[in-house]
Amino acid sequence: MTEVPIRQFYQECKKRLKLKLLTGQEGFDKLITQQEIHRPGLALSGFVDIFTYERIQVLGNTEMAYLRSISDEERKRAIKRVMDFEIPCLIVTNNNNIPDELLSLSRARKIALFKTPLSTTELVRFLSDYLDQKFAPSTTIHGTLVDVYGIGVLLTGRSGIGKSEIALDLVERGHRLVADDVVTITSRANEVLIGTGNEVVRHHLEIRGLGIVDVGSIFGIRAIRLQKRIEVEVQLEDWDNSEDYERLGLQENYTKILDVEIPLVRLPIFPGKNISVIVETIALNQILKIFGIHTAEEFNARLLERIKKKKIAKEYLEHDFE
């Protein structure tokens, strides 16, 4: 289960969200356990039956205007009603003035209270992006991720089959390395897989017989990138004469990573085969498919049409008795 301490949230977001801490750090050990955000308008007005208090609570113009509209005694009861729950933190938007009751109860309950000049809409957008990243399902895969012509190609296969060497050749040909050996993959909204490298070995390649190669230092900043959407997996396999490999491309193969389906290309290799050029072609072919151009299907359609025409001509000639 993902948990983000308030201390970490504040350190990572205070600049982008323009957060100002109004209480002490006593509430910094509380945990954010849900990626959704909540606005406690109904809870302040007295309806707490479905109050999702486990989320970050955002008080915008509507909530603050309501608190200003009621009497001091009602305001104190409304704020206490919300603060009796174990909420992770409170964020007040639009630089709204903070009622004394809210500040004192936040300190008493050791709940971090933040203020920001951002509008509620801006805050929710930025905060949602942050929480989506933190709570996104993730996994690690043994492989190499390269950006080839803008297509994220994930190279997989047994250890020592040559993934790193292929990636090195692709980088030398002008493409960009994202990660080698260990690829961390997260699933974002709309079934998008984002791959990145391990912070320790990021942008380094292990070339057997040579050792560790720093791609960024050797080839420059153009040869690397921090993350990339994974759009196709190329599974490298040792050539097996008994295997029936795809030759036309009519049969689409897919694999699932974090329940997200992406195209899979099984690529048999043997000495002398130019794998880098084939990987480039796979990436370009994937771009064509994105634009609705399926080469194998179009070739098959032309072939069937040619056969049909020959059949019609043959039948005509067979019945031509003149």
C-alpha atoms as a PDB file:
ATOM      1  CA  MET A   1       0.000   0.000   0.000  1.00  0.00           C
ATOM      2  CA  THR A   2       1.375   3.402  -0.997  1.00  0.00           C
ATOM      3  CA  GLU A   3       1.766   5.938   1.800  1.00  0.00           C
ATOM      4  CA  VAL A   4       3.188   9.446   1.458  1.00  0.00           C
ATOM      5  CA  PRO A   5       4.245  11.238   4.667  1.00  0.00           C
ATOM      6  CA  ILE A   6       3.142  14.864   4.937  1.00  0.00           C
ATOM      7  CA  ARG A   7       6.799  15.800   5.428  1.00  0.00           C
ATOM      8  CA  GLN A   8       7.673  14.330   2.021  1.00  0.00           C
ATOM      9  CA  PHE A   9       4.616  15.873   0.387  1.00  0.00           C
ATOM     10  CA  TYR A  10       5.563  19.329   1.687  1.00  0.00           C
ATOM     11  CA  GLN A  11       9.189  19.020   0.590  1.00  0.00           C
ATOM     12  CA  GLU A  12       8.273  17.879  -2.892  1.00  0.00           C
ATOM     13  CA  CYS A  13       5.312  20.208  -3.502  1.00  0.00           C
ATOM     14  CA  LYS A  14       5.901  23.403  -1.549  1.00  0.00           C
ATOM     15  CA  LYS A  15       7.488  25.192  -4.506  1.00  0.00           C
ATOM     16  CA  ARG A  16       5.102  24.086  -7.245  1.00  0.00           C
ATOM     17  CA  LEU A  17       1.980  24.453  -5.104  1.00  0.00           C
ATOM     18  CA  LYS A  18       3.340  27.605  -3.392  1.00  0.00           C
ATOM     19  CA  LEU A  19       2.519  26.147   0.004  1.00  0.00           C
ATOM     20  CA  LYS A  20       2.966  28.136   3.194  1.00  0.00           C
ATOM     21  CA  LEU A  21       2.968  26.119   6.406  1.00  0.00           C
ATOM     22  CA  LEU A  22       0.858  27.807   9.091  1.00  0.00           C
ATOM     23  CA  THR A  23       1.304  25.205  11.830  1.00  0.00           C
ATOM     24  CA  GLY A  24       4.326  23.453  13.270  1.00  0.00           C
ATOM     25  CA  GLN A  25       5.818  20.230  12.006  1.00  0.00           C
ATOM     26  CA  GLU A  26       3.960  18.085  14.526  1.00  0.00           C
ATOM     27  CA  GLY A  27       1.653  16.768  11.801  1.00  0.00           C
ATOM     28  CA  PHE A  28       4.443  15.910   9.377  1.00  0.00           C
ATOM     29  CA  ASP A  29       4.394  12.222  10.358  1.00  0.00           C
ATOM     30  CA  LYS A  30       0.774  11.775   9.259  1.00  0.00           C
ATOM     31  CA  LEU A  31       0.329   9.783   6.067  1.00  0.00           C
ATOM     32  CA  ILE A  32      -1.503  10.393   2.801  1.00  0.00           C
ATOM     33  CA  THR A  33      -3.036   7.031   1.927  1.00  0.00           C
ATOM     34  CA  GLN A  34      -5.411   7.969  -0.895  1.00  0.00           C
ATOM     35  CA  GLN A  35      -4.749   9.701  -4.198  1.00  0.00           C
ATOM     36  CA  GLU A  36      -8.142  11.429  -4.380  1.00  0.00           C
ATOM     37  CA  ILE A  37      -8.721  14.953  -3.033  1.00  0.00           C
ATOM     38  CA  HIS A  38     -11.731  16.072  -1.007  1.00  0.00           C
ATOM     39  CA  ARG A  39     -13.491  19.388  -0.391  1.00  0.00           C
ATOM     40  CA  PRO A  40     -15.247  19.206   3.002  1.00  0.00           C
ATOM     41  CA  GLY A  41     -18.141  21.571   2.290  1.00  0.00           C
ATOM     42  CA  LEU A  42     -20.844  19.110   3.322  1.00  0.00           C
ATOM     43  CA  ALA A  43     -18.908  18.044   6.408  1.00  0.00           C
ATOM     44  CA  LEU A  44     -18.604  21.663   7.548  1.00  0.00           C
ATOM     45  CA  SER A  45     -22.351  22.093   7.159  1.00  0.00           C
ATOM     46  CA  GLY A  46     -23.027  19.042   9.325  1.00  0.00           C
ATOM     47  CA  PHE A  47     -23.336  16.045   6.972  1.00  0.00           C
ATOM     48  CA  VAL A  48     -20.490  13.653   7.805  1.00  0.00           C
ATOM     49  CA  ASP A  49     -22.057  10.277   7.000  1.00  0.00           C
ATOM     50  CA  ILE A  50     -19.938   9.841   3.862  1.00  0.00           C
ATOM     51  CA  PHE A  51     -17.092  12.193   4.783  1.00  0.00           C
ATOM     52  CA  THR A  52     -13.906  10.867   3.119  1.00  0.00           C
ATOM     53  CA  TYR A  53     -11.602  12.251   5.800  1.00  0.00           C
ATOM     54  CA  GLU A  54      -8.619  10.062   4.768  1.00  0.00           C
ATOM     55  CA  ARG A  55      -7.950  12.349   1.805  1.00  0.00           C
ATOM     56  CA  ILE A  56      -6.201  15.718   1.590  1.00  0.00           C
ATOM     57  CA  GLN A  57      -8.842  18.338   2.451  1.00  0.00           C
ATOM     58  CA  VAL A  58      -8.971  21.427   0.207  1.00  0.00           C
ATOM     59  CA  LEU A  59     -10.841  24.515   1.387  1.00  0.00           C
ATOM     60  CA  GLY A  60     -11.575  26.925  -1.443  1.00  0.00           C
ATOM     61  CA  ASN A  61     -13.600  30.109  -1.774  1.00  0.00           C
ATOM     62  CA  THR A  62     -16.892  28.283  -1.246  1.00  0.00           C
ATOM     63  CA  GLU A  63     -15.888  26.649   2.045  1.00  0.00           C
ATOM     64  CA  MET A  64     -14.236  29.787   3.399  1.00  0.00           C
ATOM     65  CA  ALA A  65     -17.197  31.975   2.410  1.00  0.00           C
ATOM     66  CA  TYR A  66     -19.497  29.588   4.274  1.00  0.00           C
ATOM     67  CA  LEU A  67     -17.352  29.790   7.405  1.00  0.00           C
ATOM     68  CA  ARG A  68     -17.403  33.587   7.261  1.00  0.00           C
ATOM     69  CA  SER A  69     -21.181  33.619   6.855  1.00  0.00           C
ATOM     70  CA  ILE A  70     -21.981  31.806  10.105  1.00  0.00           C
ATOM     71  CA  SER A  71     -21.633  32.950  13.720  1.00  0.00           C
ATOM     72  CA  ASP A  72     -18.472  32.458  15.758  1.00  0.00           C
ATOM     73  CA  GLU A  73     -20.054  29.634  17.761  1.00  0.00           C
ATOM     74  CA  GLU A  74     -21.352  27.859  14.641  1.00  0.00           C
ATOM     75  CA  ARG A  75     -17.984  28.270  12.941  1.00  0.00           C
ATOM     76  CA  LYS A  76     -16.193  26.713  15.896  1.00  0.00           C
ATOM     77  CA  ARG A  77     -18.587  23.746  15.891  1.00  0.00           C
ATOM     78  CA  ALA A  78     -18.277  23.309  12.112  1.00  0.00           C
ATOM     79  CA  ILE A  79     -14.476  23.296  12.182  1.00  0.00           C
ATOM     80  CA  LYS A  80     -14.365  20.989  15.229  1.00  0.00           C
ATOM     81  CA  ARG A  81     -16.743  18.601  13.461  1.00  0.00           C
ATOM     82  CA  VAL A  82     -14.219  18.203  10.640  1.00  0.00           C
ATOM     83  CA  MET A  83     -11.106  18.224  12.826  1.00  0.00           C
ATOM     84  CA  ASP A  84     -12.439  15.377  14.999  1.00  0.00           C
ATOM     85  CA  PHE A  85     -11.567  13.057  12.112  1.00  0.00           C
ATOM     86  CA  GLU A  86      -8.035  11.807  11.416  1.00  0.00           C
ATOM     87  CA  ILE A  87      -7.445  13.867   8.301  1.00  0.00           C
ATOM     88  CA  PRO A  88      -3.905  14.010   6.839  1.00  0.00           C
ATOM     89  CA  CYS A  89      -3.720  17.779   6.178  1.00  0.00           C
ATOM     90  CA  LEU A  90      -5.649  20.893   5.154  1.00  0.00           C
ATOM     91  CA  ILE A  91      -4.922  23.266   2.268  1.00  0.00           C
ATOM     92  CA  VAL A  92      -6.623  26.672   2.010  1.00  0.00           C
ATOM     93  CA  THR A  93      -6.557  28.160  -1.506  1.00  0.00           C
ATOM     94  CA  ASN A  94      -6.794  31.675  -2.992  1.00  0.00           C
ATOM     95  CA  ASN A  95      -4.878  33.186  -0.036  1.00  0.00           C
ATOM     96  CA  ASN A  96      -8.102  33.170   1.976  1.00  0.00           C
ATOM     97  CA  ASN A  97      -7.851  34.485   5.517  1.00  0.00           C
ATOM     98  CA  ILE A  98      -7.585  31.689   8.052  1.00  0.00           C
ATOM     99  CA  PRO A  99     -10.148  31.719  10.892  1.00  0.00           C
ATOM    100  CA  ASP A 100      -8.528  31.641  14.333  1.00  0.00           C
ATOM    101  CA  GLU A 101     -10.598  28.562  15.210  1.00  0.00           C
ATOM    102  CA  LEU A 102      -9.182  26.626  12.243  1.00  0.00           C
ATOM    103  CA  LEU A 103      -5.598  27.563  13.081  1.00  0.00           C
ATOM    104  CA  SER A 104      -5.874  26.759  16.799  1.00  0.00           C
ATOM    105  CA  LEU A 105      -7.649  23.431  16.252  1.00  0.00           C
ATOM    106  CA  SER A 106      -5.112  22.419  13.584  1.00  0.00           C
ATOM    107  CA  ARG A 107      -2.293  22.984  16.061  1.00  0.00           C
ATOM    108  CA  ALA A 108      -4.147  21.241  18.866  1.00  0.00           C
ATOM    109  CA  ARG A 109      -4.916  18.175  16.714  1.00  0.00           C
ATOM    110  CA  LYS A 110      -1.416  18.219  15.136  1.00  0.00           C
ATOM    111  CA  ILE A 111      -2.808  18.485  11.622  1.00  0.00           C
ATOM    112  CA  ALA A 112      -0.673  20.365   9.087  1.00  0.00           C
ATOM    113  CA  LEU A 113      -2.431  23.456   7.737  1.00  0.00           C
ATOM    114  CA  PHE A 114      -1.203  24.999   4.495  1.00  0.00           C
ATOM    115  CA  LYS A 115      -2.108  28.144   2.586  1.00  0.00           C
ATOM    116  CA  THR A 116      -1.566  28.848  -1.107  1.00  0.00           C
ATOM    117  CA  PRO A 117      -2.275  31.755  -3.491  1.00  0.00           C
ATOM    118  CA  LEU A 118      -3.288  29.283  -6.194  1.00  0.00           C
ATOM    119  CA  SER A 119      -6.927  28.983  -7.152  1.00  0.00           C
ATOM    120  CA  THR A 120      -8.690  25.790  -6.175  1.00  0.00           C
ATOM    121  CA  THR A 121      -8.777  24.667  -9.812  1.00  0.00           C
ATOM    122  CA  GLU A 122      -5.030  25.183 -10.229  1.00  0.00           C
ATOM    123  CA  LEU A 123      -4.214  23.469  -6.959  1.00  0.00           C
ATOM    124  CA  VAL A 124      -6.410  20.454  -7.688  1.00  0.00           C
ATOM    125  CA  ARG A 125      -4.853  20.047 -11.145  1.00  0.00           C
ATOM    126  CA  PHE A 126      -1.258  20.170  -9.898  1.00  0.00           C
ATOM    127  CA  LEU A 127      -1.998  18.141  -6.777  1.00  0.00           C
ATOM    128  CA  SER A 128      -3.837  15.460  -8.782  1.00  0.00           C
ATOM    129  CA  ASP A 129      -0.825  15.081 -11.086  1.00  0.00           C
ATOM    130  CA  TYR A 130       1.454  14.626  -8.078  1.00  0.00           C
ATOM    131  CA  LEU A 131      -0.806  12.077  -6.368  1.00  0.00           C
ATOM    132  CA  ASP A 132      -1.370  10.181  -9.618  1.00  0.00           C
ATOM    133  CA  GLN A 133       2.381   9.689  -9.894  1.00  0.00           C
ATOM    134  CA  LYS A 134       2.774   8.638  -6.273  1.00  0.00           C
ATOM    135  CA  PHE A 135      -0.130   6.183  -6.231  1.00  0.00           C
ATOM    136  CA  ALA A 136       0.221   4.793  -9.755  1.00  0.00           C
ATOM    137  CA  PRO A 137       0.663   0.983  -9.874  1.00  0.00           C
ATOM    138  CA  SER A 138       4.291   0.131 -10.615  1.00  0.00           C
ATOM    139  CA  THR A 139       6.560  -2.791 -11.311  1.00  0.00           C
ATOM    140  CA  THR A 140      10.153  -3.449 -12.365  1.00  0.00           C
ATOM    141  CA  ILE A 141      11.177  -5.442 -15.413  1.00  0.00           C
ATOM    142  CA  HIS A 142      14.545  -6.785 -16.494  1.00  0.00           C
ATOM    143  CA  GLY A 143      15.076  -5.128 -19.845  1.00  0.00           C
ATOM    144  CA  THR A 144      16.231  -2.048 -21.729  1.00  0.00           C
ATOM    145  CA  LEU A 145      14.082   0.927 -22.730  1.00  0.00           C
ATOM    146  CA  VAL A 146      15.048   3.075 -25.718  1.00  0.00           C
ATOM    147  CA  ASP A 147      13.277   5.971 -27.440  1.00  0.00           C
ATOM    148  CA  VAL A 148      13.429   5.085 -31.130  1.00  0.00           C
ATOM    149  CA  TYR A 149      11.933   7.712 -33.465  1.00  0.00           C
ATOM    150  CA  GLY A 150       9.670   8.817 -30.608  1.00  0.00           C
ATOM    151  CA  ILE A 151       8.420   5.274 -29.907  1.00  0.00           C
ATOM    152  CA  GLY A 152       9.246   3.753 -26.528  1.00  0.00           C
ATOM    153  CA  VAL A 153      10.713   0.320 -27.342  1.00  0.00           C
ATOM    154  CA  LEU A 154      11.158  -2.096 -24.434  1.00  0.00           C
ATOM    155  CA  LEU A 155      13.814  -4.711 -25.224  1.00  0.00           C
ATOM    156  CA  THR A 156      13.437  -7.926 -23.224  1.00  0.00           C
ATOM    157  CA  GLY A 157      15.039 -11.354 -23.319  1.00  0.00           C
ATOM    158  CA  ARG A 158      17.368 -13.622 -21.390  1.00  0.00           C
ATOM    159  CA  SER A 159      20.396 -12.193 -19.629  1.00  0.00           C
ATOM    160  CA  GLY A 160      23.329 -11.861 -22.007  1.00  0.00           C
ATOM    161  CA  ILE A 161      21.307 -12.004 -25.217  1.00  0.00           C
ATOM    162  CA  GLY A 162      22.514  -8.523 -26.226  1.00  0.00           C
ATOM    163  CA  LYS A 163      19.934  -5.973 -25.090  1.00  0.00           C
ATOM    164  CA  SER A 164      22.541  -3.479 -23.889  1.00  0.00           C
ATOM    165  CA  GLU A 165      24.652  -3.854 -27.019  1.00  0.00           C
ATOM    166  CA  ILE A 166      21.613  -3.211 -29.220  1.00  0.00           C
ATOM    167  CA  ALA A 167      20.748  -0.153 -27.101  1.00  0.00           C
ATOM    168  CA  LEU A 168      24.318   1.135 -27.486  1.00  0.00           C
ATOM    169  CA  ASP A 169      24.114   0.754 -31.256  1.00  0.00           C
ATOM    170  CA  LEU A 170      20.750   2.537 -31.312  1.00  0.00           C
ATOM    171  CA  VAL A 171      22.187   5.422 -29.267  1.00  0.00           C
ATOM    172  CA  GLU A 172      25.115   5.683 -31.687  1.00  0.00           C
ATOM    173  CA  ARG A 173      22.541   5.891 -34.502  1.00  0.00           C
ATOM    174  CA  GLY A 174      20.912   8.922 -32.851  1.00  0.00           C
ATOM    175  CA  HIS A 175      18.265   7.394 -30.576  1.00  0.00           C
ATOM    176  CA  ARG A 176      17.908   7.923 -26.825  1.00  0.00           C
ATOM    177  CA  LEU A 177      18.460   5.610 -23.864  1.00  0.00           C
ATOM    178  CA  VAL A 178      15.941   5.687 -21.030  1.00  0.00           C
ATOM    179  CA  ALA A 179      16.950   2.736 -18.860  1.00  0.00           C
ATOM    180  CA  ASP A 180      19.047  -0.405 -18.965  1.00  0.00           C
ATOM    181  CA  ASP A 181      18.916  -3.633 -16.966  1.00  0.00           C
ATOM    182  CA  VAL A 182      16.169  -2.514 -14.549  1.00  0.00           C
ATOM    183  CA  VAL A 183      13.180  -0.614 -15.972  1.00  0.00           C
ATOM    184  CA  THR A 184      10.659   0.823 -13.498  1.00  0.00           C
ATOM    185  CA  ILE A 185       7.211   0.939 -15.070  1.00  0.00           C
ATOM    186  CA  THR A 186       4.179   2.814 -13.771  1.00  0.00           C
ATOM    187  CA  SER A 187       0.640   2.686 -15.109  1.00  0.00           C
ATOM    188  CA  ARG A 188      -0.896   6.110 -15.546  1.00  0.00           C
ATOM    189  CA  ALA A 189      -4.407   7.179 -16.502  1.00  0.00           C
ATOM    190  CA  ASN A 190      -5.851   6.070 -19.863  1.00  0.00           C
ATOM    191  CA  GLU A 191      -3.748   2.884 -19.825  1.00  0.00           C
ATOM    192  CA  VAL A 192      -0.415   4.599 -20.402  1.00  0.00           C
ATOM    193  CA  LEU A 193       2.781   2.829 -19.322  1.00  0.00           C
ATOM    194  CA  ILE A 194       5.683   5.108 -18.344  1.00  0.00           C
ATOM    195  CA  GLY A 195       9.163   3.638 -18.034  1.00  0.00           C
ATOM    196  CA  THR A 196      12.122   5.126 -16.211  1.00  0.00           C
ATOM    197  CA  GLY A 197      15.479   3.986 -14.908  1.00  0.00           C
ATOM    198  CA  ASN A 198      16.847   3.176 -11.509  1.00  0.00           C
ATOM    199  CA  GLU A 199      18.403   6.281  -9.934  1.00  0.00           C
ATOM    200  CA  VAL A 200      21.689   4.481  -9.222  1.00  0.00           C
ATOM    201  CA  VAL A 201      22.337   2.980 -12.668  1.00  0.00           C
ATOM    202  CA  ARG A 202      20.292   5.415 -14.773  1.00  0.00           C
ATOM    203  CA  HIS A 203      21.734   6.013 -18.277  1.00  0.00           C
ATOM    204  CA  HIS A 204      24.544   3.507 -17.751  1.00  0.00           C
ATOM    205  CA  LEU A 205      25.002   0.425 -19.935  1.00  0.00           C
ATOM    206  CA  GLU A 206      26.739  -2.785 -18.946  1.00  0.00           C
ATOM    207  CA  ILE A 207      28.648  -4.008 -21.998  1.00  0.00           C
ATOM    208  CA  ARG A 208      30.120  -7.462 -21.451  1.00  0.00           C
ATOM    209  CA  GLY A 209      33.853  -7.410 -22.057  1.00  0.00           C
ATOM    210  CA  LEU A 210      33.998  -3.622 -21.643  1.00  0.00           C
ATOM    211  CA  GLY A 211      32.189  -2.822 -18.400  1.00  0.00           C
ATOM    212  CA  ILE A 212      29.953   0.076 -17.368  1.00  0.00           C
ATOM    213  CA  VAL A 213      29.453   2.831 -19.952  1.00  0.00           C
ATOM    214  CA  ASP A 214      28.053   6.275 -19.059  1.00  0.00           C
ATOM    215  CA  VAL A 215      25.935   7.037 -22.117  1.00  0.00           C
ATOM    216  CA  GLY A 216      25.205  10.636 -21.103  1.00  0.00           C
ATOM    217  CA  SER A 217      28.883  11.501 -20.658  1.00  0.00           C
ATOM    218  CA  ILE A 218      30.047   9.804 -23.844  1.00  0.00           C
ATOM    219  CA  PHE A 219      27.247  10.697 -26.273  1.00  0.00           C
ATOM    220  CA  GLY A 220      25.892  13.860 -24.658  1.00  0.00           C
ATOM    221  CA  ILE A 221      22.530  15.015 -23.382  1.00  0.00           C
ATOM    222  CA  ARG A 222      20.838  14.225 -26.717  1.00  0.00           C
ATOM    223  CA  ALA A 223      21.397  10.508 -26.126  1.00  0.00           C
ATOM    224  CA  ILE A 224      19.365  10.155 -22.929  1.00  0.00           C
ATOM    225  CA  ARG A 225      15.955  10.940 -21.496  1.00  0.00           C
ATOM    226  CA  LEU A 226      14.495  10.515 -18.006  1.00  0.00           C
ATOM    227  CA  GLN A 227      11.292   8.680 -18.901  1.00  0.00           C
ATOM    228  CA  LYS A 228       9.307   7.473 -21.899  1.00  0.00           C
ATOM    229  CA  ARG A 229       5.941   5.965 -22.670  1.00  0.00           C
ATOM    230  CA  ILE A 230       6.315   2.259 -23.496  1.00  0.00           C
ATOM    231  CA  GLU A 231       4.505   1.520 -26.763  1.00  0.00           C
ATOM    232  CA  VAL A 232       5.916  -1.807 -27.962  1.00  0.00           C
ATOM    233  CA  GLU A 233       7.882  -4.695 -26.457  1.00  0.00           C
ATOM    234  CA  VAL A 234      10.541  -6.431 -28.547  1.00  0.00           C
ATOM    235  CA  GLN A 235      11.262  -9.847 -27.074  1.00  0.00           C
ATOM    236  CA  LEU A 236      14.691 -11.062 -28.197  1.00  0.00           C
ATOM    237  CA  GLU A 237      14.967 -14.830 -28.603  1.00  0.00           C
ATOM    238  CA  ASP A 238      17.681 -17.238 -29.722  1.00  0.00           C
ATOM    239  CA  TRP A 239      16.907 -18.603 -33.173  1.00  0.00           C
ATOM    240  CA  ASP A 240      15.104 -21.938 -33.006  1.00  0.00           C
ATOM    241  CA  ASN A 241      14.638 -23.871 -36.263  1.00  0.00           C
ATOM    242  CA  SER A 242      11.637 -25.663 -34.796  1.00  0.00           C
ATOM    243  CA  GLU A 243       9.768 -22.424 -34.114  1.00  0.00           C
ATOM    244  CA  ASP A 244       7.196 -21.071 -36.569  1.00  0.00           C
ATOM    245  CA  TYR A 245       7.964 -17.347 -36.563  1.00  0.00           C
ATOM    246  CA  GLU A 246       5.550 -14.732 -37.938  1.00  0.00           C
ATOM    247  CA  ARG A 247       6.451 -13.852 -41.539  1.00  0.00           C
ATOM    248  CA  LEU A 248       3.597 -11.684 -42.811  1.00  0.00           C
ATOM    249  CA  GLY A 249       2.664  -9.704 -39.716  1.00  0.00           C
ATOM    250  CA  LEU A 250      -1.058 -10.414 -39.998  1.00  0.00           C
ATOM    251  CA  GLN A 251      -1.220 -11.926 -36.528  1.00  0.00           C
ATOM    252  CA  GLU A 252      -0.942  -9.226 -33.886  1.00  0.00           C
ATOM    253  CA  ASN A 253       0.676 -10.364 -30.641  1.00  0.00           C
ATOM    254  CA  TYR A 254       0.227  -8.517 -27.365  1.00  0.00           C
ATOM    255  CA  THR A 255       1.607  -8.632 -23.864  1.00  0.00           C
ATOM    256  CA  LYS A 256       0.241  -7.235 -20.608  1.00  0.00           C
ATOM    257  CA  ILE A 257       2.162  -5.108 -18.139  1.00  0.00           C
ATOM    258  CA  LEU A 258       0.204  -3.898 -15.106  1.00  0.00           C
ATOM    259  CA  ASP A 259      -2.962  -5.003 -16.939  1.00  0.00           C
ATOM    260  CA  VAL A 260      -2.154  -2.651 -19.827  1.00  0.00           C
ATOM    261  CA  GLU A 261      -1.931  -4.325 -23.231  1.00  0.00           C
ATOM    262  CA  ILE A 262       0.842  -3.307 -25.645  1.00  0.00           C
ATOM    263  CA  PRO A 263       2.070  -4.849 -28.937  1.00  0.00           C
ATOM    264  CA  LEU A 264       4.651  -7.638 -28.649  1.00  0.00           C
ATOM    265  CA  VAL A 265       7.186  -8.527 -31.352  1.00  0.00           C
ATOM    266  CA  ARG A 266       9.089 -11.804 -30.946  1.00  0.00           C
ATOM    267  CA  LEU A 267      12.412 -11.230 -32.666  1.00  0.00           C
ATOM    268  CA  PRO A 268      14.674 -14.253 -33.269  1.00  0.00           C
ATOM    269  CA  ILE A 269      18.336 -13.356 -33.435  1.00  0.00           C
ATOM    270  CA  PHE A 270      21.534 -15.003 -34.641  1.00  0.00           C
ATOM    271  CA  PRO A 271      25.101 -13.772 -35.335  1.00  0.00           C
ATOM    272  CA  GLY A 272      25.297 -11.318 -38.210  1.00  0.00           C
ATOM    273  CA  LYS A 273      21.672 -10.227 -38.063  1.00  0.00           C
ATOM    274  CA  ASN A 274      21.325  -6.419 -37.920  1.00  0.00           C
ATOM    275  CA  ILE A 275      18.981  -6.154 -34.932  1.00  0.00           C
ATOM    276  CA  SER A 276      19.310  -2.375 -34.565  1.00  0.00           C
ATOM    277  CA  VAL A 277      17.927  -1.715 -38.052  1.00  0.00           C
ATOM    278  CA  ILE A 278      15.100  -4.170 -37.406  1.00  0.00           C
ATOM    279  CA  VAL A 279      14.239  -2.409 -34.109  1.00  0.00           C
ATOM    280  CA  GLU A 280      14.179   0.913 -35.988  1.00  0.00           C
ATOM    281  CA  THR A 281      11.822  -0.658 -38.533  1.00  0.00           C
ATOM    282  CA  ILE A 282       9.590  -1.975 -35.740  1.00  0.00           C
ATOM    283  CA  ALA A 283       9.350   1.562 -34.323  1.00  0.00           C
ATOM    284  CA  LEU A 284       8.571   3.082 -37.735  1.00  0.00           C
ATOM    285  CA  ASN A 285       5.998   0.373 -38.413  1.00  0.00           C
ATOM    286  CA  GLN A 286       4.372   1.161 -35.062  1.00  0.00           C
ATOM    287  CA  ILE A 287       4.125   4.826 -36.086  1.00  0.00           C
ATOM    288  CA  LEU A 288       2.361   3.752 -39.297  1.00  0.00           C
ATOM    289  CA  LYS A 289      -0.129   1.718 -37.261  1.00  0.00           C
ATOM    290  CA  ILE A 290      -0.802   4.726 -35.025  1.00  0.00           C
ATOM    291  CA  PHE A 291      -1.761   6.626 -38.185  1.00  0.00           C
ATOM    292  CA  GLY A 292      -3.995   3.758 -39.314  1.00  0.00           C
ATOM    293  CA  ILE A 293      -1.631   2.250 -41.880  1.00  0.00           C
ATOM    294  CA  HIS A 294      -1.288  -1.520 -41.455  1.00  0.00           C
ATOM    295  CA  THR A 295       1.200  -2.725 -44.067  1.00  0.00           C
ATOM    296  CA  ALA A 296       0.548  -6.465 -43.682  1.00  0.00           C
ATOM    297  CA  GLU A 297      -3.218  -6.077 -43.936  1.00  0.00           C
ATOM    298  CA  GLU A 298      -2.958  -3.803 -46.972  1.00  0.00           C
ATOM    299  CA  PHE A 299      -0.573  -6.238 -48.660  1.00  0.00           C
ATOM    300  CA  ASN A 300      -2.907  -9.138 -47.895  1.00  0.00           C
ATOM    301  CA  ALA A 301      -5.895  -7.191 -49.278  1.00  0.00           C
ATOM    302  CA  ARG A 302      -4.025  -6.460 -52.525  1.00  0.00           C
ATOM    303  CA  LEU A 303      -3.010 -10.097 -52.791  1.00  0.00           C
ATOM    304  CA  LEU A 304      -6.586 -11.325 -52.323  1.00  0.00           C
ATOM    305  CA  GLU A 305      -7.826  -8.815 -54.878  1.00  0.00           C
ATOM    306  CA  ARG A 306      -5.224 -10.027 -57.378  1.00  0.00           C
ATOM    307  CA  ILE A 307      -6.238 -13.631 -56.812  1.00  0.00           C
ATOM    308  CA  LYS A 308      -9.894 -12.716 -57.233  1.00  0.00           C
ATOM    309  CA  LYS A 309      -9.220 -10.963 -60.542  1.00  0.00           C
ATOM    310  CA  LYS A 310      -7.221 -13.916 -61.847  1.00  0.00           C
ATOM    311  CA  LYS A 311     -10.028 -16.277 -60.855  1.00  0.00           C
ATOM    312  CA  ILE A 312     -12.623 -14.158 -62.700  1.00  0.00           C
ATOM    313  CA  ALA A 313     -10.441 -14.039 -65.803  1.00  0.00           C
ATOM    314  CA  LYS A 314      -9.852 -17.789 -65.695  1.00  0.00           C
ATOM    315  CA  GLU A 315     -13.576 -18.553 -65.347  1.00  0.00           C
ATOM    316  CA  TYR A 316     -14.355 -16.236 -68.273  1.00  0.00           C
ATOM    317  CA  LEU A 317     -11.789 -17.869 -70.536  1.00  0.00           C
ATOM    318  CA  GLU A 318     -12.944 -21.356 -69.578  1.00  0.00           C
ATOM    319  CA  HIS A 319     -16.441 -20.519 -70.828  1.00  0.00           C
ATOM    320  CA  ASP A 320     -15.304 -18.652 -73.936  1.00  0.00           C
ATOM    321  CA  PHE A 321     -16.239 -21.084 -76.724  1.00  0.00           C
ATOM    322  CA  GLU A 322     -15.946 -18.722 -79.695  1.00  0.00           C
END
